[in-house]
């Protein structure tokens, strides 16, 4: 399900949270992919891998809490970019 951004005076806080969380989720996914690439090529030592893994898990947990607080689902953060398709890749 894709969704276009539709601001309404009664839901502006939720809509703004959705926009911010969408950007954070996009960045989280990009960082996660980059970290996986670096692990695959052996760019990171064991401590760095552990730290990145813990950070990404913590960020995912916080994202879930914020989505719950604002009554958002992960699908609602995936904005419809029209002919370009959804913003976030669906794995």
PDB file of N, CA and C in Angstrom:
ATOM      1  N   UNK A   1       0.845  -1.182   0.000  1.00  0.00           N
ATOM      2  CA  UNK A   1       0.000   0.000   0.000  1.00  0.00           C
ATOM      3  C   UNK A   1       0.889   1.244   0.000  1.00  0.00           C
ATOM      4  N   UNK A   2       0.714   2.081  -0.961  1.00  0.00           N
ATOM      5  CA  UNK A   2       1.447   3.334  -0.993  1.00  0.00           C
ATOM      6  C   UNK A   2       0.488   4.453  -0.644  1.00  0.00           C
ATOM      7  N   UNK A   3       1.048   5.533  -0.194  1.00  0.00           N
ATOM      8  CA  UNK A   3       0.226   6.626   0.307  1.00  0.00           C
ATOM      9  C   UNK A   3       0.859   7.936  -0.089  1.00  0.00           C
ATOM     10  N   UNK A   4       0.070   8.841  -0.567  1.00  0.00           N
ATOM     11  CA  UNK A   4       0.561  10.190  -0.871  1.00  0.00           C
ATOM     12  C   UNK A   4       0.475  11.019   0.392  1.00  0.00           C
ATOM     13  N   UNK A   5       1.374  11.954   0.532  1.00  0.00           N
ATOM     14  CA  UNK A   5       1.369  12.849   1.681  1.00  0.00           C
ATOM     15  C   UNK A   5       0.176  13.785   1.568  1.00  0.00           C
ATOM     16  N   UNK A   6      -0.674  13.788   2.581  1.00  0.00           N
ATOM     17  CA  UNK A   6      -1.909  14.563   2.552  1.00  0.00           C
ATOM     18  C   UNK A   6      -2.071  15.249   3.904  1.00  0.00           C
ATOM     19  N   UNK A   7      -1.661  16.507   4.002  1.00  0.00           N
ATOM     20  CA  UNK A   7      -1.731  17.221   5.270  1.00  0.00           C
ATOM     21  C   UNK A   7      -3.153  17.692   5.553  1.00  0.00           C
ATOM     22  N   UNK A   8      -3.578  17.507   6.784  1.00  0.00           N
ATOM     23  CA  UNK A   8      -4.898  17.904   7.259  1.00  0.00           C
ATOM     24  C   UNK A   8      -4.663  18.625   8.583  1.00  0.00           C
ATOM     25  N   UNK A   9      -5.304  19.769   8.820  1.00  0.00           N
ATOM     26  CA  UNK A   9      -5.078  20.506  10.074  1.00  0.00           C
ATOM     27  C   UNK A   9      -5.305  19.661  11.331  1.00  0.00           C
ATOM     28  N   UNK A  10      -6.203  18.691  11.247  1.00  0.00           N
ATOM     29  CA  UNK A  10      -6.492  17.865  12.415  1.00  0.00           C
ATOM     30  C   UNK A  10      -5.442  16.785  12.653  1.00  0.00           C
ATOM     31  N   UNK A  11      -4.652  16.485  11.641  1.00  0.00           N
ATOM     32  CA  UNK A  11      -3.664  15.407  11.783  1.00  0.00           C
ATOM     33  C   UNK A  11      -2.249  15.880  11.468  1.00  0.00           C
ATOM     34  N   UNK A  12      -1.999  17.164  11.566  1.00  0.00           N
ATOM     35  CA  UNK A  12      -0.703  17.704  11.154  1.00  0.00           C
ATOM     36  C   UNK A  12       0.449  17.098  11.960  1.00  0.00           C
ATOM     37  N   UNK A  13       0.261  16.860  13.267  1.00  0.00           N
ATOM     38  CA  UNK A  13       1.341  16.278  14.062  1.00  0.00           C
ATOM     39  C   UNK A  13       1.674  14.871  13.572  1.00  0.00           C
ATOM     40  N   UNK A  14       0.656  14.063  13.328  1.00  0.00           N
ATOM     41  CA  UNK A  14       0.864  12.697  12.845  1.00  0.00           C
ATOM     42  C   UNK A  14       1.495  12.721  11.456  1.00  0.00           C
ATOM     43  N   UNK A  15       1.009  13.608  10.585  1.00  0.00           N
ATOM     44  CA  UNK A  15       1.550  13.699   9.234  1.00  0.00           C
ATOM     45  C   UNK A  15       3.007  14.151   9.237  1.00  0.00           C
ATOM     46  N   UNK A  16       3.335  15.101  10.098  1.00  0.00           N
ATOM     47  CA  UNK A  16       4.716  15.555  10.207  1.00  0.00           C
ATOM     48  C   UNK A  16       5.602  14.429  10.744  1.00  0.00           C
ATOM     49  N   UNK A  17       5.101  13.705  11.748  1.00  0.00           N
ATOM     50  CA  UNK A  17       5.849  12.561  12.281  1.00  0.00           C
ATOM     51  C   UNK A  17       6.076  11.529  11.183  1.00  0.00           C
ATOM     52  N   UNK A  18       5.060  11.280  10.367  1.00  0.00           N
ATOM     53  CA  UNK A  18       5.196  10.317   9.273  1.00  0.00           C
ATOM     54  C   UNK A  18       6.283  10.751   8.295  1.00  0.00           C
ATOM     55  N   UNK A  19       6.309  12.026   7.972  1.00  0.00           N
ATOM     56  CA  UNK A  19       7.318  12.543   7.047  1.00  0.00           C
ATOM     57  C   UNK A  19       8.726  12.389   7.629  1.00  0.00           C
ATOM     58  N   UNK A  20       8.901  12.777   8.884  1.00  0.00           N
ATOM     59  CA  UNK A  20      10.214  12.679   9.536  1.00  0.00           C
ATOM     60  C   UNK A  20      10.641  11.218   9.658  1.00  0.00           C
ATOM     61  N   UNK A  21       9.720  10.359  10.086  1.00  0.00           N
ATOM     62  CA  UNK A  21      10.055   8.945  10.236  1.00  0.00           C
ATOM     63  C   UNK A  21      10.349   8.291   8.892  1.00  0.00           C
ATOM     64  N   UNK A  22       9.712   8.752   7.833  1.00  0.00           N
ATOM     65  CA  UNK A  22      10.004   8.241   6.498  1.00  0.00           C
ATOM     66  C   UNK A  22      11.451   8.558   6.116  1.00  0.00           C
ATOM     67  N   UNK A  23      11.870   9.774   6.380  1.00  0.00           N
ATOM     68  CA  UNK A  23      13.255  10.170   6.074  1.00  0.00           C
ATOM     69  C   UNK A  23      14.239   9.368   6.918  1.00  0.00           C
ATOM     70  N   UNK A  24      13.942   9.225   8.201  1.00  0.00           N
ATOM     71  CA  UNK A  24      14.824   8.453   9.085  1.00  0.00           C
ATOM     72  C   UNK A  24      14.887   6.994   8.622  1.00  0.00           C
ATOM     73  N   UNK A  25      13.751   6.421   8.243  1.00  0.00           N
ATOM     74  CA  UNK A  25      13.729   5.030   7.767  1.00  0.00           C
ATOM     75  C   UNK A  25      14.537   4.878   6.485  1.00  0.00           C
ATOM     76  N   UNK A  26      14.422   5.819   5.578  1.00  0.00           N
ATOM     77  CA  UNK A  26      15.210   5.773   4.357  1.00  0.00           C
ATOM     78  C   UNK A  26      16.706   5.791   4.682  1.00  0.00           C
ATOM     79  N   UNK A  27      17.111   6.689   5.556  1.00  0.00           N
ATOM     80  CA  UNK A  27      18.530   6.768   5.957  1.00  0.00           C
ATOM     81  C   UNK A  27      18.978   5.502   6.682  1.00  0.00           C
ATOM     82  N   UNK A  28      18.104   4.942   7.540  1.00  0.00           N
ATOM     83  CA  UNK A  28      18.430   3.711   8.261  1.00  0.00           C
ATOM     84  C   UNK A  28      18.693   2.576   7.275  1.00  0.00           C
ATOM     85  N   UNK A  29      17.835   2.465   6.259  1.00  0.00           N
ATOM     86  CA  UNK A  29      18.013   1.408   5.272  1.00  0.00           C
ATOM     87  C   UNK A  29      19.299   1.595   4.465  1.00  0.00           C
ATOM     88  N   UNK A  30      19.607   2.829   4.121  1.00  0.00           N
ATOM     89  CA  UNK A  30      20.849   3.100   3.385  1.00  0.00           C
ATOM     90  C   UNK A  30      22.080   2.761   4.214  1.00  0.00           C
ATOM     91  N   UNK A  31      22.072   3.148   5.489  1.00  0.00           N
ATOM     92  CA  UNK A  31      23.198   2.854   6.379  1.00  0.00           C
ATOM     93  C   UNK A  31      23.334   1.344   6.575  1.00  0.00           C
ATOM     94  N   UNK A  32      22.205   0.665   6.731  1.00  0.00           N
ATOM     95  CA  UNK A  32      22.236  -0.789   6.913  1.00  0.00           C
ATOM     96  C   UNK A  32      22.831  -1.477   5.680  1.00  0.00           C
ATOM     97  N   UNK A  33      22.423  -1.058   4.506  1.00  0.00           N
ATOM     98  CA  UNK A  33      22.979  -1.660   3.281  1.00  0.00           C
ATOM     99  C   UNK A  33      24.485  -1.400   3.157  1.00  0.00           C
ATOM    100  N   UNK A  34      24.886  -0.183   3.483  1.00  0.00           N
ATOM    101  CA  UNK A  34      26.308   0.150   3.420  1.00  0.00           C
ATOM    102  C   UNK A  34      27.093  -0.673   4.435  1.00  0.00           C
ATOM    103  N   UNK A  35      26.553  -0.833   5.628  1.00  0.00           N
ATOM    104  CA  UNK A  35      27.226  -1.630   6.658  1.00  0.00           C
ATOM    105  C   UNK A  35      27.361  -3.080   6.210  1.00  0.00           C
ATOM    106  N   UNK A  36      26.322  -3.631   5.619  1.00  0.00           N
ATOM    107  CA  UNK A  36      26.394  -5.014   5.128  1.00  0.00           C
ATOM    108  C   UNK A  36      27.456  -5.165   4.044  1.00  0.00           C
ATOM    109  N   UNK A  37      27.535  -4.189   3.159  1.00  0.00           N
ATOM    110  CA  UNK A  37      28.579  -4.229   2.118  1.00  0.00           C
ATOM    111  C   UNK A  37      29.969  -4.211   2.747  1.00  0.00           C
ATOM    112  N   UNK A  38      30.128  -3.351   3.752  1.00  0.00           N
ATOM    113  CA  UNK A  38      31.443  -3.253   4.401  1.00  0.00           C
ATOM    114  C   UNK A  38      31.793  -4.539   5.137  1.00  0.00           C
ATOM    115  N   UNK A  39      30.806  -5.192   5.739  1.00  0.00           N
ATOM    116  CA  UNK A  39      31.046  -6.475   6.409  1.00  0.00           C
ATOM    117  C   UNK A  39      31.445  -7.523   5.372  1.00  0.00           C
ATOM    118  N   UNK A  40      30.725  -7.562   4.253  1.00  0.00           N
ATOM    119  CA  UNK A  40      31.004  -8.553   3.209  1.00  0.00           C
ATOM    120  C   UNK A  40      32.416  -8.434   2.648  1.00  0.00           C
ATOM    121  N   UNK A  41      32.920  -7.215   2.508  1.00  0.00           N
ATOM    122  CA  UNK A  41      34.269  -7.049   1.951  1.00  0.00           C
ATOM    123  C   UNK A  41      35.349  -7.062   3.034  1.00  0.00           C
ATOM    124  N   UNK A  42      34.935  -7.194   4.285  1.00  0.00           N
ATOM    125  CA  UNK A  42      35.907  -7.280   5.374  1.00  0.00           C
ATOM    126  C   UNK A  42      36.495  -5.950   5.792  1.00  0.00           C
ATOM    127  N   UNK A  43      35.772  -4.870   5.557  1.00  0.00           N
ATOM    128  CA  UNK A  43      36.225  -3.518   5.884  1.00  0.00           C
ATOM    129  C   UNK A  43      36.195  -3.211   7.381  1.00  0.00           C
ATOM    130  N   UNK A  44      35.430  -3.980   8.135  1.00  0.00           N
ATOM    131  CA  UNK A  44      35.226  -3.681   9.554  1.00  0.00           C
ATOM    132  C   UNK A  44      35.823  -4.765  10.423  1.00  0.00           C
ATOM    133  N   UNK A  45      36.343  -4.354  11.580  1.00  0.00           N
ATOM    134  CA  UNK A  45      36.782  -5.366  12.528  1.00  0.00           C
ATOM    135  C   UNK A  45      35.569  -5.843  13.339  1.00  0.00           C
ATOM    136  N   UNK A  46      35.761  -6.840  14.151  1.00  0.00           N
ATOM    137  CA  UNK A  46      34.655  -7.459  14.892  1.00  0.00           C
ATOM    138  C   UNK A  46      33.949  -6.467  15.819  1.00  0.00           C
ATOM    139  N   UNK A  47      34.706  -5.612  16.464  1.00  0.00           N
ATOM    140  CA  UNK A  47      34.113  -4.612  17.373  1.00  0.00           C
ATOM    141  C   UNK A  47      33.247  -3.609  16.605  1.00  0.00           C
ATOM    142  N   UNK A  48      33.721  -3.166  15.456  1.00  0.00           N
ATOM    143  CA  UNK A  48      32.953  -2.236  14.636  1.00  0.00           C
ATOM    144  C   UNK A  48      31.658  -2.885  14.138  1.00  0.00           C
ATOM    145  N   UNK A  49      31.743  -4.144  13.720  1.00  0.00           N
ATOM    146  CA  UNK A  49      30.553  -4.865  13.285  1.00  0.00           C
ATOM    147  C   UNK A  49      29.529  -4.948  14.406  1.00  0.00           C
ATOM    148  N   UNK A  50      29.998  -5.280  15.594  1.00  0.00           N
ATOM    149  CA  UNK A  50      29.109  -5.395  16.752  1.00  0.00           C
ATOM    150  C   UNK A  50      28.454  -4.055  17.074  1.00  0.00           C
ATOM    151  N   UNK A  51      29.235  -2.994  17.056  1.00  0.00           N
ATOM    152  CA  UNK A  51      28.715  -1.659  17.374  1.00  0.00           C
ATOM    153  C   UNK A  51      27.675  -1.201  16.346  1.00  0.00           C
ATOM    154  N   UNK A  52      27.956  -1.416  15.078  1.00  0.00           N
ATOM    155  CA  UNK A  52      27.011  -1.042  14.024  1.00  0.00           C
ATOM    156  C   UNK A  52      25.735  -1.870  14.147  1.00  0.00           C
ATOM    157  N   UNK A  53      25.886  -3.153  14.386  1.00  0.00           N
ATOM    158  CA  UNK A  53      24.718  -4.022  14.538  1.00  0.00           C
ATOM    159  C   UNK A  53      23.835  -3.582  15.697  1.00  0.00           C
ATOM    160  N   UNK A  54      24.431  -3.288  16.836  1.00  0.00           N
ATOM    161  CA  UNK A  54      23.667  -2.848  18.008  1.00  0.00           C
ATOM    162  C   UNK A  54      22.992  -1.504  17.740  1.00  0.00           C
ATOM    163  N   UNK A  55      23.698  -0.597  17.089  1.00  0.00           N
ATOM    164  CA  UNK A  55      23.136   0.719  16.776  1.00  0.00           C
ATOM    165  C   UNK A  55      21.935   0.600  15.847  1.00  0.00           C
ATOM    166  N   UNK A  56      22.060  -0.231  14.818  1.00  0.00           N
ATOM    167  CA  UNK A  56      20.959  -0.409  13.882  1.00  0.00           C
ATOM    168  C   UNK A  56      19.750  -1.076  14.559  1.00  0.00           C
ATOM    169  N   UNK A  57      20.001  -2.041  15.443  1.00  0.00           N
ATOM    170  CA  UNK A  57      18.894  -2.678  16.169  1.00  0.00           C
ATOM    171  C   UNK A  57      18.203  -1.673  17.088  1.00  0.00           C
ATOM    172  N   UNK A  58      18.985  -0.851  17.775  1.00  0.00           N
ATOM    173  CA  UNK A  58      18.422   0.171  18.659  1.00  0.00           C
ATOM    174  C   UNK A  58      17.590   1.180  17.859  1.00  0.00           C
ATOM    175  N   UNK A  59      18.101   1.606  16.712  1.00  0.00           N
ATOM    176  CA  UNK A  59      17.366   2.543  15.873  1.00  0.00           C
ATOM    177  C   UNK A  59      16.058   1.922  15.381  1.00  0.00           C
ATOM    178  N   UNK A  60      16.094   0.656  14.999  1.00  0.00           N
ATOM    179  CA  UNK A  60      14.878  -0.019  14.552  1.00  0.00           C
ATOM    180  C   UNK A  60      13.850  -0.095  15.688  1.00  0.00           C
ATOM    181  N   UNK A  61      14.305  -0.393  16.905  1.00  0.00           N
ATOM    182  CA  UNK A  61      13.404  -0.425  18.069  1.00  0.00           C
ATOM    183  C   UNK A  61      12.785   0.942  18.321  1.00  0.00           C
ATOM    184  N   UNK A  62      13.580   1.990  18.241  1.00  0.00           N
ATOM    185  CA  UNK A  62      13.068   3.348  18.477  1.00  0.00           C
ATOM    186  C   UNK A  62      12.068   3.756  17.392  1.00  0.00           C
ATOM    187  N   UNK A  63      12.361   3.355  16.168  1.00  0.00           N
ATOM    188  CA  UNK A  63      11.432   3.637  15.075  1.00  0.00           C
ATOM    189  C   UNK A  63      10.091   2.962  15.342  1.00  0.00           C
ATOM    190  N   UNK A  64      10.132   1.733  15.808  1.00  0.00           N
ATOM    191  CA  UNK A  64       8.892   1.015  16.109  1.00  0.00           C
ATOM    192  C   UNK A  64       8.103   1.729  17.207  1.00  0.00           C
ATOM    193  N   UNK A  65       8.799   2.186  18.242  1.00  0.00           N
ATOM    194  CA  UNK A  65       8.124   2.914  19.323  1.00  0.00           C
ATOM    195  C   UNK A  65       7.477   4.199  18.814  1.00  0.00           C
ATOM    196  N   UNK A  66       8.187   4.923  17.984  1.00  0.00           N
ATOM    197  CA  UNK A  66       7.643   6.169  17.445  1.00  0.00           C
ATOM    198  C   UNK A  66       6.469   5.914  16.499  1.00  0.00           C
ATOM    199  N   UNK A  67       6.580   4.856  15.693  1.00  0.00           N
ATOM    200  CA  UNK A  67       5.446   4.518  14.821  1.00  0.00           C
ATOM    201  C   UNK A  67       4.213   4.200  15.660  1.00  0.00           C
ATOM    202  N   UNK A  68       4.411   3.439  16.725  1.00  0.00           N
ATOM    203  CA  UNK A  68       3.290   3.100  17.603  1.00  0.00           C
ATOM    204  C   UNK A  68       2.708   4.357  18.250  1.00  0.00           C
ATOM    205  N   UNK A  69       3.578   5.241  18.704  1.00  0.00           N
ATOM    206  CA  UNK A  69       3.119   6.470  19.367  1.00  0.00           C
ATOM    207  C   UNK A  69       2.214   7.290  18.456  1.00  0.00           C
ATOM    208  N   UNK A  70       2.548   7.339  17.178  1.00  0.00           N
ATOM    209  CA  UNK A  70       1.779   8.148  16.239  1.00  0.00           C
ATOM    210  C   UNK A  70       0.774   7.321  15.428  1.00  0.00           C
ATOM    211  N   UNK A  71       0.650   6.035  15.773  1.00  0.00           N
ATOM    212  CA  UNK A  71      -0.321   5.187  15.085  1.00  0.00           C
ATOM    213  C   UNK A  71      -0.005   4.955  13.626  1.00  0.00           C
ATOM    214  N   UNK A  72       1.263   4.737  13.329  1.00  0.00           N
ATOM    215  CA  UNK A  72       1.701   4.548  11.942  1.00  0.00           C
ATOM    216  C   UNK A  72       2.172   3.118  11.724  1.00  0.00           C
ATOM    217  N   UNK A  73       1.966   2.625  10.532  1.00  0.00           N
ATOM    218  CA  UNK A  73       2.496   1.320  10.154  1.00  0.00           C
ATOM    219  C   UNK A  73       3.720   1.540   9.271  1.00  0.00           C
ATOM    220  N   UNK A  74       4.581   0.535   9.140  1.00  0.00           N
ATOM    221  CA  UNK A  74       5.732   0.694   8.246  1.00  0.00           C
ATOM    222  C   UNK A  74       5.302   1.024   6.814  1.00  0.00           C
ATOM    223  N   UNK A  75       4.185   0.454   6.382  1.00  0.00           N
ATOM    224  CA  UNK A  75       3.698   0.713   5.025  1.00  0.00           C
ATOM    225  C   UNK A  75       3.320   2.184   4.834  1.00  0.00           C
ATOM    226  N   UNK A  76       2.843   2.830   5.886  1.00  0.00           N
ATOM    227  CA  UNK A  76       2.437   4.232   5.775  1.00  0.00           C
ATOM    228  C   UNK A  76       3.632   5.171   5.610  1.00  0.00           C
ATOM    229  N   UNK A  77       4.825   4.677   5.917  1.00  0.00           N
ATOM    230  CA  UNK A  77       6.025   5.498   5.756  1.00  0.00           C
ATOM    231  C   UNK A  77       6.582   5.414   4.340  1.00  0.00           C
ATOM    232  N   UNK A  78       6.027   4.536   3.538  1.00  0.00           N
ATOM    233  CA  UNK A  78       6.518   4.340   2.186  1.00  0.00           C
ATOM    234  C   UNK A  78       5.717   5.208   1.225  1.00  0.00           C
ATOM    235  N   UNK A  79       6.169   6.442   1.051  1.00  0.00           N
ATOM    236  CA  UNK A  79       5.455   7.411   0.219  1.00  0.00           C
ATOM    237  C   UNK A  79       5.395   6.980  -1.241  1.00  0.00           C
ATOM    238  N   UNK A  80       4.294   7.284  -1.872  1.00  0.00           N
ATOM    239  CA  UNK A  80       4.103   7.023  -3.296  1.00  0.00           C
ATOM    240  C   UNK A  80       4.696   8.190  -4.078  1.00  0.00           C
ATOM    241  N   UNK A  81       5.683   7.894  -4.902  1.00  0.00           N
ATOM    242  CA  UNK A  81       6.335   8.928  -5.705  1.00  0.00           C
ATOM    243  C   UNK A  81       5.777   8.980  -7.125  1.00  0.00           C
ATOM    244  N   UNK A  82       4.544   8.556  -7.266  1.00  0.00           N
ATOM    245  CA  UNK A  82       3.896   8.595  -8.572  1.00  0.00           C
ATOM    246  C   UNK A  82       4.549   7.652  -9.546  1.00  0.00           C
ATOM    247  N   UNK A  83       4.953   8.139 -10.717  1.00  0.00           N
ATOM    248  CA  UNK A  83       5.516   7.258 -11.733  1.00  0.00           C
ATOM    249  C   UNK A  83       6.826   6.596 -11.306  1.00  0.00           C
ATOM    250  N   UNK A  84       7.488   7.148 -10.296  1.00  0.00           N
ATOM    251  CA  UNK A  84       8.745   6.552  -9.816  1.00  0.00           C
ATOM    252  C   UNK A  84       8.494   5.364  -8.901  1.00  0.00           C
ATOM    253  N   UNK A  85       7.263   5.228  -8.398  1.00  0.00           N
ATOM    254  CA  UNK A  85       6.944   4.120  -7.502  1.00  0.00           C
ATOM    255  C   UNK A  85       7.145   4.514  -6.049  1.00  0.00           C
ATOM    256  N   UNK A  86       7.215   3.525  -5.177  1.00  0.00           N
ATOM    257  CA  UNK A  86       7.362   3.808  -3.741  1.00  0.00           C
ATOM    258  C   UNK A  86       8.760   4.316  -3.397  1.00  0.00           C
ATOM    259  N   UNK A  87       8.843   5.127  -2.347  1.00  0.00           N
ATOM    260  CA  UNK A  87      10.124   5.698  -1.920  1.00  0.00           C
ATOM    261  C   UNK A  87      11.056   4.633  -1.372  1.00  0.00           C
ATOM    262  N   UNK A  88      10.545   3.806  -0.467  1.00  0.00           N
ATOM    263  CA  UNK A  88      11.372   2.813   0.209  1.00  0.00           C
ATOM    264  C   UNK A  88      11.328   1.483  -0.543  1.00  0.00           C
ATOM    265  N   UNK A  89      12.479   0.850  -0.697  1.00  0.00           N
ATOM    266  CA  UNK A  89      12.490  -0.451  -1.346  1.00  0.00           C
ATOM    267  C   UNK A  89      11.759  -1.475  -0.473  1.00  0.00           C
ATOM    268  N   UNK A  90      11.030  -2.365  -1.108  1.00  0.00           N
ATOM    269  CA  UNK A  90      10.356  -3.432  -0.376  1.00  0.00           C
ATOM    270  C   UNK A  90      11.129  -4.709  -0.628  1.00  0.00           C
ATOM    271  N   UNK A  91      11.751  -5.207   0.418  1.00  0.00           N
ATOM    272  CA  UNK A  91      12.592  -6.396   0.287  1.00  0.00           C
ATOM    273  C   UNK A  91      11.785  -7.662   0.384  1.00  0.00           C
TER     274      UNK A  91
END
